[in-house]
Amino acid sequence: AGGNVMLSWLAEELQNSAAFWRIAIFHHPPYTAGKHKDDP
């Protein structure tokens, strides 16, 4: 209801980033046809 804290944090960090290279790392791939394609 009040927004997602991590997504708000990420939006602000990305807006303020002056880095030439920006890489995100996390566990679940958004685009896959593998075993976990239907994972919520």
Full PDB file with SEQRES, HELIX, SHEET, SSBOND, CRYST1, ORIGX, SCALE, CONECT and MASTER records, all heavy atoms in Angstrom:
SEQRES   1 A   40  ALA GLY GLY ASN VAL MET LEU SER TRP LEU ALA GLU GLU          
SEQRES   2 A   40  LEU GLN ASN SER ALA ALA PHE TRP ARG ILE ALA ILE PHE          
SEQRES   3 A   40  HIS HIS PRO PRO TYR THR ALA GLY LYS HIS LYS ASP ASP          
SEQRES   4 A   40  PRO                                                          
HELIX    1 AA1 VAL A    5  ASN A   16  1                                  12    
CRYST1    1.000    1.000    1.000  90.00  90.00  90.00 P 1           1          
ORIGX1      1.000000  0.000000  0.000000        0.00000                         
ORIGX2      0.000000  1.000000  0.000000        0.00000                         
ORIGX3      0.000000  0.000000  1.000000        0.00000                         
SCALE1      1.000000  0.000000  0.000000        0.00000                         
SCALE2      0.000000  1.000000  0.000000        0.00000                         
SCALE3      0.000000  0.000000  1.000000        0.00000                         
ATOM      1  N   ALA A   1       0.829  -1.207   0.000  1.00  0.00           N  
ATOM      2  CA  ALA A   1       0.000   0.000   0.000  1.00  0.00           C  
ATOM      3  C   ALA A   1       0.862   1.256   0.000  1.00  0.00           C  
ATOM      4  O   ALA A   1       0.577   2.224  -0.697  1.00  0.00           O  
ATOM      5  CB  ALA A   1      -0.939  -0.014   1.199  1.00  0.00           C  
ATOM      6  N   GLY A   2       1.947   1.239   0.765  1.00  0.00           N  
ATOM      7  CA  GLY A   2       2.837   2.398   0.824  1.00  0.00           C  
ATOM      8  C   GLY A   2       3.976   2.322  -0.165  1.00  0.00           C  
ATOM      9  O   GLY A   2       4.874   3.159  -0.149  1.00  0.00           O  
ATOM     10  N   GLY A   3       3.988   1.320  -1.025  1.00  0.00           N  
ATOM     11  CA  GLY A   3       5.069   1.134  -1.998  1.00  0.00           C  
ATOM     12  C   GLY A   3       6.031   0.070  -1.520  1.00  0.00           C  
ATOM     13  O   GLY A   3       6.096  -0.265  -0.346  1.00  0.00           O  
ATOM     14  N   ASN A   4       6.783  -0.485  -2.422  1.00  0.00           N  
ATOM     15  CA  ASN A   4       7.767  -1.501  -2.105  1.00  0.00           C  
ATOM     16  C   ASN A   4       9.067  -0.805  -1.733  1.00  0.00           C  
ATOM     17  O   ASN A   4       9.629  -0.064  -2.534  1.00  0.00           O  
ATOM     18  CB  ASN A   4       7.955  -2.428  -3.311  1.00  0.00           C  
ATOM     19  CG  ASN A   4       8.937  -3.528  -3.034  1.00  0.00           C  
ATOM     20  OD1 ASN A   4      10.131  -3.289  -2.892  1.00  0.00           O  
ATOM     21  ND2 ASN A   4       8.428  -4.745  -2.953  1.00  0.00           N  
ATOM     22  N   VAL A   5       9.573  -1.059  -0.528  1.00  0.00           N  
ATOM     23  CA  VAL A   5      10.754  -0.358  -0.017  1.00  0.00           C  
ATOM     24  C   VAL A   5      11.978  -0.622  -0.890  1.00  0.00           C  
ATOM     25  O   VAL A   5      12.711   0.304  -1.235  1.00  0.00           O  
ATOM     26  CB  VAL A   5      11.012  -0.744   1.457  1.00  0.00           C  
ATOM     27  CG1 VAL A   5      12.283  -0.107   1.968  1.00  0.00           C  
ATOM     28  CG2 VAL A   5       9.831  -0.337   2.330  1.00  0.00           C  
ATOM     29  N   MET A   6      12.210  -1.885  -1.255  1.00  0.00           N  
ATOM     30  CA  MET A   6      13.398  -2.187  -2.055  1.00  0.00           C  
ATOM     31  C   MET A   6      13.310  -1.547  -3.438  1.00  0.00           C  
ATOM     32  O   MET A   6      14.288  -0.989  -3.935  1.00  0.00           O  
ATOM     33  CB  MET A   6      13.609  -3.695  -2.203  1.00  0.00           C  
ATOM     34  CG  MET A   6      14.892  -4.021  -2.978  1.00  0.00           C  
ATOM     35  SD  MET A   6      15.213  -5.777  -3.204  1.00  0.00           S  
ATOM     36  CE  MET A   6      13.970  -6.200  -4.417  1.00  0.00           C  
ATOM     37  N   LEU A   7      12.144  -1.617  -4.075  1.00  0.00           N  
ATOM     38  CA  LEU A   7      12.007  -1.017  -5.405  1.00  0.00           C  
ATOM     39  C   LEU A   7      12.159   0.497  -5.350  1.00  0.00           C  
ATOM     40  O   LEU A   7      12.776   1.095  -6.238  1.00  0.00           O  
ATOM     41  CB  LEU A   7      10.676  -1.417  -6.027  1.00  0.00           C  
ATOM     42  CG  LEU A   7      10.513  -2.903  -6.354  1.00  0.00           C  
ATOM     43  CD1 LEU A   7       9.128  -3.170  -6.928  1.00  0.00           C  
ATOM     44  CD2 LEU A   7      11.602  -3.399  -7.297  1.00  0.00           C  
ATOM     45  N   SER A   8      11.643   1.122  -4.305  1.00  0.00           N  
ATOM     46  CA  SER A   8      11.824   2.578  -4.139  1.00  0.00           C  
ATOM     47  C   SER A   8      13.291   2.906  -3.934  1.00  0.00           C  
ATOM     48  O   SER A   8      13.821   3.862  -4.520  1.00  0.00           O  
ATOM     49  CB  SER A   8      11.003   3.088  -2.956  1.00  0.00           C  
ATOM     50  OG  SER A   8       9.639   2.878  -3.189  1.00  0.00           O  
ATOM     51  N   TRP A   9      13.953   2.134  -3.091  1.00  0.00           N  
ATOM     52  CA  TRP A   9      15.388   2.323  -2.848  1.00  0.00           C  
ATOM     53  C   TRP A   9      16.164   2.180  -4.148  1.00  0.00           C  
ATOM     54  O   TRP A   9      17.028   2.986  -4.471  1.00  0.00           O  
ATOM     55  CB  TRP A   9      15.860   1.298  -1.809  1.00  0.00           C  
ATOM     56  CG  TRP A   9      17.337   1.198  -1.674  1.00  0.00           C  
ATOM     57  CD1 TRP A   9      18.150   1.964  -0.889  1.00  0.00           C  
ATOM     58  CD2 TRP A   9      18.208   0.281  -2.355  1.00  0.00           C  
ATOM     59  NE1 TRP A   9      19.456   1.580  -1.039  1.00  0.00           N  
ATOM     60  CE2 TRP A   9      19.512   0.547  -1.931  1.00  0.00           C  
ATOM     61  CE3 TRP A   9      17.989  -0.743  -3.277  1.00  0.00           C  
ATOM     62  CZ2 TRP A   9      20.608  -0.176  -2.400  1.00  0.00           C  
ATOM     63  CZ3 TRP A   9      19.074  -1.457  -3.747  1.00  0.00           C  
ATOM     64  CH2 TRP A   9      20.368  -1.172  -3.309  1.00  0.00           C  
ATOM     65  N   LEU A  10      15.856   1.120  -4.934  1.00  0.00           N  
ATOM     66  CA  LEU A  10      16.564   0.871  -6.182  1.00  0.00           C  
ATOM     67  C   LEU A  10      16.361   2.009  -7.174  1.00  0.00           C  
ATOM     68  O   LEU A  10      17.320   2.470  -7.805  1.00  0.00           O  
ATOM     69  CB  LEU A  10      16.115  -0.454  -6.797  1.00  0.00           C  
ATOM     70  CG  LEU A  10      16.750  -0.813  -8.140  1.00  0.00           C  
ATOM     71  CD1 LEU A  10      18.268  -0.933  -8.010  1.00  0.00           C  
ATOM     72  CD2 LEU A  10      16.137  -2.101  -8.685  1.00  0.00           C  
ATOM     73  N   ALA A  11      15.139   2.485  -7.309  1.00  0.00           N  
ATOM     74  CA  ALA A  11      14.865   3.597  -8.233  1.00  0.00           C  
ATOM     75  C   ALA A  11      15.702   4.815  -7.868  1.00  0.00           C  
ATOM     76  O   ALA A  11      16.303   5.456  -8.744  1.00  0.00           O  
ATOM     77  CB  ALA A  11      13.375   3.937  -8.215  1.00  0.00           C  
ATOM     78  N   GLU A  12      15.783   5.115  -6.586  1.00  0.00           N  
ATOM     79  CA  GLU A  12      16.573   6.272  -6.138  1.00  0.00           C  
ATOM     80  C   GLU A  12      18.064   6.042  -6.368  1.00  0.00           C  
ATOM     81  O   GLU A  12      18.779   6.939  -6.843  1.00  0.00           O  
ATOM     82  CB  GLU A  12      16.304   6.556  -4.664  1.00  0.00           C  
ATOM     83  CG  GLU A  12      17.007   7.796  -4.173  1.00  0.00           C  
ATOM     84  CD  GLU A  12      16.637   8.140  -2.741  1.00  0.00           C  
ATOM     85  OE1 GLU A  12      15.539   7.763  -2.284  1.00  0.00           O  
ATOM     86  OE2 GLU A  12      17.460   8.807  -2.082  1.00  0.00           O  
ATOM     87  N   GLU A  13      18.553   4.858  -6.034  1.00  0.00           N  
ATOM     88  CA  GLU A  13      19.978   4.548  -6.232  1.00  0.00           C  
ATOM     89  C   GLU A  13      20.368   4.619  -7.709  1.00  0.00           C  
ATOM     90  O   GLU A  13      21.424   5.139  -8.055  1.00  0.00           O  
ATOM     91  CB  GLU A  13      20.312   3.164  -5.659  1.00  0.00           C  
ATOM     92  CG  GLU A  13      20.295   3.097  -4.154  1.00  0.00           C  
ATOM     93  CD  GLU A  13      21.436   3.857  -3.500  1.00  0.00           C  
ATOM     94  OE1 GLU A  13      22.533   3.957  -4.099  1.00  0.00           O  
ATOM     95  OE2 GLU A  13      21.229   4.344  -2.380  1.00  0.00           O  
ATOM     96  N   LEU A  14      19.520   4.077  -8.577  1.00  0.00           N  
ATOM     97  CA  LEU A  14      19.813   4.124 -10.009  1.00  0.00           C  
ATOM     98  C   LEU A  14      19.784   5.551 -10.536  1.00  0.00           C  
ATOM     99  O   LEU A  14      20.620   5.936 -11.358  1.00  0.00           O  
ATOM    100  CB  LEU A  14      18.829   3.245 -10.789  1.00  0.00           C  
ATOM    101  CG  LEU A  14      19.022   1.739 -10.621  1.00  0.00           C  
ATOM    102  CD1 LEU A  14      17.858   0.982 -11.248  1.00  0.00           C  
ATOM    103  CD2 LEU A  14      20.340   1.280 -11.227  1.00  0.00           C  
ATOM    104  N   GLN A  15      18.843   6.340 -10.066  1.00  0.00           N  
ATOM    105  CA  GLN A  15      18.761   7.746 -10.493  1.00  0.00           C  
ATOM    106  C   GLN A  15      20.006   8.521 -10.068  1.00  0.00           C  
ATOM    107  O   GLN A  15      20.492   9.365 -10.809  1.00  0.00           O  
ATOM    108  CB  GLN A  15      17.521   8.404  -9.912  1.00  0.00           C  
ATOM    109  CG  GLN A  15      17.363   9.852 -10.339  1.00  0.00           C  
ATOM    110  CD  GLN A  15      16.064  10.446  -9.831  1.00  0.00           C  
ATOM    111  OE1 GLN A  15      15.112   9.739  -9.538  1.00  0.00           O  
ATOM    112  NE2 GLN A  15      16.028  11.757  -9.737  1.00  0.00           N  
ATOM    113  N   ASN A  16      20.540   8.211  -8.903  1.00  0.00           N  
ATOM    114  CA  ASN A  16      21.694   8.938  -8.370  1.00  0.00           C  
ATOM    115  C   ASN A  16      23.033   8.345  -8.788  1.00  0.00           C  
ATOM    116  O   ASN A  16      24.076   8.924  -8.494  1.00  0.00           O  
ATOM    117  CB  ASN A  16      21.618   9.002  -6.843  1.00  0.00           C  
ATOM    118  CG  ASN A  16      20.438   9.828  -6.376  1.00  0.00           C  
ATOM    119  OD1 ASN A  16      20.009  10.759  -7.050  1.00  0.00           O  
ATOM    120  ND2 ASN A  16      19.887   9.468  -5.230  1.00  0.00           N  
ATOM    121  N   SER A  17      23.021   7.205  -9.456  1.00  0.00           N  
ATOM    122  CA  SER A  17      24.269   6.543  -9.817  1.00  0.00           C  
ATOM    123  C   SER A  17      24.964   7.265 -10.967  1.00  0.00           C  
ATOM    124  O   SER A  17      24.363   7.546 -11.998  1.00  0.00           O  
ATOM    125  CB  SER A  17      23.999   5.100 -10.233  1.00  0.00           C  
ATOM    126  OG  SER A  17      25.199   4.493 -10.688  1.00  0.00           O  
ATOM    127  N   ALA A  18      26.246   7.535 -10.769  1.00  0.00           N  
ATOM    128  CA  ALA A  18      27.065   8.125 -11.824  1.00  0.00           C  
ATOM    129  C   ALA A  18      28.027   7.090 -12.393  1.00  0.00           C  
ATOM    130  O   ALA A  18      28.904   7.431 -13.190  1.00  0.00           O  
ATOM    131  CB  ALA A  18      27.838   9.318 -11.270  1.00  0.00           C  
ATOM    132  N   ALA A  19      27.880   5.835 -12.004  1.00  0.00           N  
ATOM    133  CA  ALA A  19      28.780   4.780 -12.459  1.00  0.00           C  
ATOM    134  C   ALA A  19      28.626   4.546 -13.954  1.00  0.00           C  
ATOM    135  O   ALA A  19      27.515   4.568 -14.478  1.00  0.00           O  
ATOM    136  CB  ALA A  19      28.501   3.485 -11.699  1.00  0.00           C  
ATOM    137  N   PHE A  20      29.741   4.304 -14.623  1.00  0.00           N  
ATOM    138  CA  PHE A  20      29.704   3.996 -16.048  1.00  0.00           C  
ATOM    139  C   PHE A  20      29.063   2.629 -16.266  1.00  0.00           C  
ATOM    140  O   PHE A  20      28.257   2.446 -17.163  1.00  0.00           O  
ATOM    141  CB  PHE A  20      31.115   4.037 -16.637  1.00  0.00           C  
ATOM    142  CG  PHE A  20      31.138   3.885 -18.129  1.00  0.00           C  
ATOM    143  CD1 PHE A  20      30.892   4.969 -18.949  1.00  0.00           C  
ATOM    144  CD2 PHE A  20      31.379   2.651 -18.713  1.00  0.00           C  
ATOM    145  CE1 PHE A  20      30.893   4.834 -20.336  1.00  0.00           C  
ATOM    146  CE2 PHE A  20      31.384   2.502 -20.090  1.00  0.00           C  
ATOM    147  CZ  PHE A  20      31.142   3.590 -20.903  1.00  0.00           C  
ATOM    148  N   TRP A  21      29.454   1.644 -15.441  1.00  0.00           N  
ATOM    149  CA  TRP A  21      28.898   0.296 -15.516  1.00  0.00           C  
ATOM    150  C   TRP A  21      28.003   0.052 -14.324  1.00  0.00           C  
ATOM    151  O   TRP A  21      28.396   0.268 -13.183  1.00  0.00           O  
ATOM    152  CB  TRP A  21      30.007  -0.761 -15.534  1.00  0.00           C  
ATOM    153  CG  TRP A  21      30.750  -0.763 -16.816  1.00  0.00           C  
ATOM    154  CD1 TRP A  21      32.018  -0.317 -17.037  1.00  0.00           C  
ATOM    155  CD2 TRP A  21      30.263  -1.220 -18.082  1.00  0.00           C  
ATOM    156  NE1 TRP A  21      32.349  -0.465 -18.353  1.00  0.00           N  
ATOM    157  CE2 TRP A  21      31.290  -1.027 -19.019  1.00  0.00           C  
ATOM    158  CE3 TRP A  21      29.063  -1.776 -18.514  1.00  0.00           C  
ATOM    159  CZ2 TRP A  21      31.162  -1.366 -20.356  1.00  0.00           C  
ATOM    160  CZ3 TRP A  21      28.928  -2.115 -19.842  1.00  0.00           C  
ATOM    161  CH2 TRP A  21      29.970  -1.905 -20.748  1.00  0.00           C  
ATOM    162  N   ARG A  22      26.799  -0.437 -14.587  1.00  0.00           N  
ATOM    163  CA  ARG A  22      25.847  -0.776 -13.532  1.00  0.00           C  
ATOM    164  C   ARG A  22      25.368  -2.200 -13.778  1.00  0.00           C  
ATOM    165  O   ARG A  22      24.835  -2.498 -14.848  1.00  0.00           O  
ATOM    166  CB  ARG A  22      24.687   0.214 -13.522  1.00  0.00           C  
ATOM    167  CG  ARG A  22      25.218   1.625 -13.310  1.00  0.00           C  
ATOM    168  CD  ARG A  22      24.195   2.680 -13.184  1.00  0.00           C  
ATOM    169  NE  ARG A  22      23.233   2.744 -14.246  1.00  0.00           N  
ATOM    170  CZ  ARG A  22      22.164   3.536 -14.204  1.00  0.00           C  
ATOM    171  NH1 ARG A  22      21.948   4.303 -13.163  1.00  0.00           N  
ATOM    172  NH2 ARG A  22      21.315   3.565 -15.216  1.00  0.00           N  
ATOM    173  N   ILE A  23      25.583  -3.037 -12.775  1.00  0.00           N  
ATOM    174  CA  ILE A  23      25.214  -4.447 -12.869  1.00  0.00           C  
ATOM    175  C   ILE A  23      24.311  -4.789 -11.694  1.00  0.00           C  
ATOM    176  O   ILE A  23      24.629  -4.462 -10.553  1.00  0.00           O  
ATOM    177  CB  ILE A  23      26.463  -5.359 -12.862  1.00  0.00           C  
ATOM    178  CG1 ILE A  23      27.355  -5.055 -14.067  1.00  0.00           C  
ATOM    179  CG2 ILE A  23      26.064  -6.826 -12.828  1.00  0.00           C  
ATOM    180  CD1 ILE A  23      28.675  -5.807 -14.066  1.00  0.00           C  
ATOM    181  N   ALA A  24      23.209  -5.454 -11.982  1.00  0.00           N  
ATOM    182  CA  ALA A  24      22.320  -5.929 -10.921  1.00  0.00           C  
ATOM    183  C   ALA A  24      22.519  -7.435 -10.765  1.00  0.00           C  
ATOM    184  O   ALA A  24      22.720  -8.148 -11.747  1.00  0.00           O  
ATOM    185  CB  ALA A  24      20.862  -5.629 -11.257  1.00  0.00           C  
ATOM    186  N   ILE A  25      22.474  -7.894  -9.507  1.00  0.00           N  
ATOM    187  CA  ILE A  25      22.574  -9.320  -9.223  1.00  0.00           C  
ATOM    188  C   ILE A  25      21.431  -9.711  -8.295  1.00  0.00           C  
ATOM    189  O   ILE A  25      21.104  -8.990  -7.359  1.00  0.00           O  
ATOM    190  CB  ILE A  25      23.943  -9.709  -8.619  1.00  0.00           C  
ATOM    191  CG1 ILE A  25      24.218  -8.945  -7.317  1.00  0.00           C  
ATOM    192  CG2 ILE A  25      25.067  -9.470  -9.603  1.00  0.00           C  
ATOM    193  CD1 ILE A  25      25.477  -9.373  -6.600  1.00  0.00           C  
ATOM    194  N   PHE A  26      20.791 -10.820  -8.604  1.00  0.00           N  
ATOM    195  CA  PHE A  26      19.741 -11.359  -7.752  1.00  0.00           C  
ATOM    196  C   PHE A  26      19.487 -12.805  -8.154  1.00  0.00           C  
ATOM    197  O   PHE A  26      20.094 -13.300  -9.105  1.00  0.00           O  
ATOM    198  CB  PHE A  26      18.459 -10.513  -7.781  1.00  0.00           C  
ATOM    199  CG  PHE A  26      17.967 -10.134  -9.146  1.00  0.00           C  
ATOM    200  CD1 PHE A  26      17.106 -10.957  -9.858  1.00  0.00           C  
ATOM    201  CD2 PHE A  26      18.359  -8.935  -9.723  1.00  0.00           C  
ATOM    202  CE1 PHE A  26      16.646 -10.597 -11.118  1.00  0.00           C  
ATOM    203  CE2 PHE A  26      17.900  -8.555 -10.975  1.00  0.00           C  
ATOM    204  CZ  PHE A  26      17.038  -9.397 -11.678  1.00  0.00           C  
ATOM    205  N   HIS A  27      18.599 -13.478  -7.461  1.00  0.00           N  
ATOM    206  CA  HIS A  27      18.457 -14.919  -7.615  1.00  0.00           C  
ATOM    207  C   HIS A  27      17.610 -15.373  -8.814  1.00  0.00           C  
ATOM    208  O   HIS A  27      18.005 -16.255  -9.559  1.00  0.00           O  
ATOM    209  CB  HIS A  27      17.879 -15.519  -6.330  1.00  0.00           C  
ATOM    210  CG  HIS A  27      17.940 -17.007  -6.287  1.00  0.00           C  
ATOM    211  ND1 HIS A  27      19.127 -17.702  -6.199  1.00  0.00           N  
ATOM    212  CD2 HIS A  27      16.963 -17.937  -6.341  1.00  0.00           C  
ATOM    213  CE1 HIS A  27      18.883 -18.986  -6.204  1.00  0.00           C  
ATOM    214  NE2 HIS A  27      17.572 -19.176  -6.279  1.00  0.00           N  
ATOM    215  N   HIS A  28      16.445 -14.813  -9.015  1.00  0.00           N  
ATOM    216  CA  HIS A  28      15.474 -15.351  -9.979  1.00  0.00           C  
ATOM    217  C   HIS A  28      15.572 -14.679 -11.349  1.00  0.00           C  
ATOM    218  O   HIS A  28      15.370 -13.476 -11.459  1.00  0.00           O  
ATOM    219  CB  HIS A  28      14.049 -15.171  -9.437  1.00  0.00           C  
ATOM    220  CG  HIS A  28      13.834 -15.873  -8.148  1.00  0.00           C  
ATOM    221  ND1 HIS A  28      14.065 -15.263  -6.933  1.00  0.00           N  
ATOM    222  CD2 HIS A  28      13.424 -17.128  -7.875  1.00  0.00           C  
ATOM    223  CE1 HIS A  28      13.803 -16.118  -5.964  1.00  0.00           C  
ATOM    224  NE2 HIS A  28      13.410 -17.259  -6.505  1.00  0.00           N  
ATOM    225  N   PRO A  29      15.827 -15.441 -12.428  1.00  0.00           N  
ATOM    226  CA  PRO A  29      15.902 -14.836 -13.760  1.00  0.00           C  
ATOM    227  C   PRO A  29      14.503 -14.492 -14.281  1.00  0.00           C  
ATOM    228  O   PRO A  29      13.585 -15.307 -14.168  1.00  0.00           O  
ATOM    229  CB  PRO A  29      16.534 -15.942 -14.616  1.00  0.00           C  
ATOM    230  CG  PRO A  29      16.145 -17.210 -13.934  1.00  0.00           C  
ATOM    231  CD  PRO A  29      16.059 -16.887 -12.465  1.00  0.00           C  
ATOM    232  N   PRO A  30      14.323 -13.311 -14.851  1.00  0.00           N  
ATOM    233  CA  PRO A  30      12.990 -12.952 -15.343  1.00  0.00           C  
ATOM    234  C   PRO A  30      12.604 -13.686 -16.623  1.00  0.00           C  
ATOM    235  O   PRO A  30      11.423 -13.893 -16.876  1.00  0.00           O  
ATOM    236  CB  PRO A  30      13.083 -11.453 -15.585  1.00  0.00           C  
ATOM    237  CG  PRO A  30      14.530 -11.186 -15.793  1.00  0.00           C  
ATOM    238  CD  PRO A  30      15.266 -12.200 -14.972  1.00  0.00           C  
ATOM    239  N   TYR A  31      13.588 -14.053 -17.435  1.00  0.00           N  
ATOM    240  CA  TYR A  31      13.297 -14.680 -18.723  1.00  0.00           C  
ATOM    241  C   TYR A  31      13.984 -16.039 -18.778  1.00  0.00           C  
ATOM    242  O   TYR A  31      15.200 -16.122 -18.906  1.00  0.00           O  
ATOM    243  CB  TYR A  31      13.765 -13.794 -19.878  1.00  0.00           C  
ATOM    244  CG  TYR A  31      13.218 -12.395 -19.771  1.00  0.00           C  
ATOM    245  CD1 TYR A  31      14.024 -11.322 -19.406  1.00  0.00           C  
ATOM    246  CD2 TYR A  31      11.861 -12.151 -19.994  1.00  0.00           C  
ATOM    247  CE1 TYR A  31      13.499 -10.044 -19.288  1.00  0.00           C  
ATOM    248  CE2 TYR A  31      11.332 -10.877 -19.874  1.00  0.00           C  
ATOM    249  CZ  TYR A  31      12.162  -9.833 -19.509  1.00  0.00           C  
ATOM    250  OH  TYR A  31      11.637  -8.579 -19.385  1.00  0.00           O  
ATOM    251  N   THR A  32      13.216 -17.102 -18.669  1.00  0.00           N  
ATOM    252  CA  THR A  32      13.757 -18.450 -18.694  1.00  0.00           C  
ATOM    253  C   THR A  32      12.679 -19.411 -19.184  1.00  0.00           C  
ATOM    254  O   THR A  32      11.497 -19.182 -18.962  1.00  0.00           O  
ATOM    255  CB  THR A  32      14.265 -18.882 -17.305  1.00  0.00           C  
ATOM    256  OG1 THR A  32      14.813 -20.196 -17.394  1.00  0.00           O  
ATOM    257  CG2 THR A  32      13.169 -18.861 -16.258  1.00  0.00           C  
ATOM    258  N   ALA A  33      13.114 -20.453 -19.843  1.00  0.00           N  
ATOM    259  CA  ALA A  33      12.192 -21.525 -20.220  1.00  0.00           C  
ATOM    260  C   ALA A  33      12.538 -22.773 -19.421  1.00  0.00           C  
ATOM    261  O   ALA A  33      12.058 -23.850 -19.713  1.00  0.00           O  
ATOM    262  CB  ALA A  33      12.283 -21.807 -21.711  1.00  0.00           C  
ATOM    263  N   GLY A  34      13.396 -22.609 -18.418  1.00  0.00           N  
ATOM    264  CA  GLY A  34      13.865 -23.736 -17.632  1.00  0.00           C  
ATOM    265  C   GLY A  34      12.848 -24.231 -16.615  1.00  0.00           C  
ATOM    266  O   GLY A  34      11.664 -23.885 -16.646  1.00  0.00           O  
ATOM    267  N   LYS A  35      13.336 -25.027 -15.705  1.00  0.00           N  
ATOM    268  CA  LYS A  35      12.528 -25.693 -14.687  1.00  0.00           C  
ATOM    269  C   LYS A  35      11.672 -24.716 -13.882  1.00  0.00           C  
ATOM    270  O   LYS A  35      10.578 -25.035 -13.457  1.00  0.00           O  
ATOM    271  CB  LYS A  35      13.464 -26.478 -13.770  1.00  0.00           C  
ATOM    272  CG  LYS A  35      12.804 -27.251 -12.675  1.00  0.00           C  
ATOM    273  CD  LYS A  35      13.842 -28.032 -11.879  1.00  0.00           C  
ATOM    274  CE  LYS A  35      13.171 -28.782 -10.752  1.00  0.00           C  
ATOM    275  NZ  LYS A  35      14.152 -29.570  -9.991  1.00  0.00           N  
ATOM    276  N   HIS A  36      12.182 -23.495 -13.673  1.00  0.00           N  
ATOM    277  CA  HIS A  36      11.494 -22.520 -12.820  1.00  0.00           C  
ATOM    278  C   HIS A  36      10.695 -21.470 -13.594  1.00  0.00           C  
ATOM    279  O   HIS A  36      10.320 -20.444 -13.040  1.00  0.00           O  
ATOM    280  CB  HIS A  36      12.508 -21.826 -11.906  1.00  0.00           C  
ATOM    281  CG  HIS A  36      13.143 -22.765 -10.938  1.00  0.00           C  
ATOM    282  ND1 HIS A  36      12.455 -23.338  -9.903  1.00  0.00           N  
ATOM    283  CD2 HIS A  36      14.405 -23.235 -10.864  1.00  0.00           C  
ATOM    284  CE1 HIS A  36      13.267 -24.121  -9.213  1.00  0.00           C  
ATOM    285  NE2 HIS A  36      14.450 -24.082  -9.778  1.00  0.00           N  
ATOM    286  N   LYS A  37      10.412 -21.713 -14.862  1.00  0.00           N  
ATOM    287  CA  LYS A  37       9.729 -20.702 -15.682  1.00  0.00           C  
ATOM    288  C   LYS A  37       8.381 -20.267 -15.111  1.00  0.00           C  
ATOM    289  O   LYS A  37       7.945 -19.143 -15.300  1.00  0.00           O  
ATOM    290  CB  LYS A  37       9.582 -21.170 -17.119  1.00  0.00           C  
ATOM    291  CG  LYS A  37       8.596 -22.297 -17.298  1.00  0.00           C  
ATOM    292  CD  LYS A  37       8.436 -22.674 -18.757  1.00  0.00           C  
ATOM    293  CE  LYS A  37       7.397 -23.731 -18.898  1.00  0.00           C  
ATOM    294  NZ  LYS A  37       7.847 -24.995 -19.334  1.00  0.00           N  
ATOM    295  N   ASP A  38       7.699 -21.157 -14.395  1.00  0.00           N  
ATOM    296  CA  ASP A  38       6.383 -20.829 -13.835  1.00  0.00           C  
ATOM    297  C   ASP A  38       6.445 -20.473 -12.350  1.00  0.00           C  
ATOM    298  O   ASP A  38       5.407 -20.330 -11.704  1.00  0.00           O  
ATOM    299  CB  ASP A  38       5.418 -22.007 -14.044  1.00  0.00           C  
ATOM    300  CG  ASP A  38       5.174 -22.269 -15.524  1.00  0.00           C  
ATOM    301  OD1 ASP A  38       5.065 -21.294 -16.289  1.00  0.00           O  
ATOM    302  OD2 ASP A  38       5.109 -23.455 -15.915  1.00  0.00           O  
ATOM    303  N   ASP A  39       7.644 -20.308 -11.823  1.00  0.00           N  
ATOM    304  CA  ASP A  39       7.834 -19.937 -10.423  1.00  0.00           C  
ATOM    305  C   ASP A  39       7.234 -18.552 -10.186  1.00  0.00           C  
ATOM    306  O   ASP A  39       7.467 -17.626 -10.972  1.00  0.00           O  
ATOM    307  CB  ASP A  39       9.345 -19.924 -10.130  1.00  0.00           C  
ATOM    308  CG  ASP A  39       9.686 -19.633  -8.689  1.00  0.00           C  
ATOM    309  OD1 ASP A  39       9.152 -18.647  -8.137  1.00  0.00           O  
ATOM    310  OD2 ASP A  39      10.513 -20.362  -8.126  1.00  0.00           O  
ATOM    311  N   PRO A  40       6.454 -18.349  -9.127  1.00  0.00           N  
ATOM    312  CA  PRO A  40       5.858 -17.028  -8.882  1.00  0.00           C  
ATOM    313  C   PRO A  40       6.896 -15.927  -8.646  1.00  0.00           C  
ATOM    314  O   PRO A  40       6.663 -14.776  -8.998  1.00  0.00           O  
ATOM    315  CB  PRO A  40       4.969 -17.236  -7.654  1.00  0.00           C  
ATOM    316  CG  PRO A  40       5.322 -18.556  -7.093  1.00  0.00           C  
ATOM    317  CD  PRO A  40       6.005 -19.346  -8.150  1.00  0.00           C  
TER     318      PRO A  40                                                      
MASTER        0    0    0    1    0    0    0    6  317    1    0    4          
END                                                                             
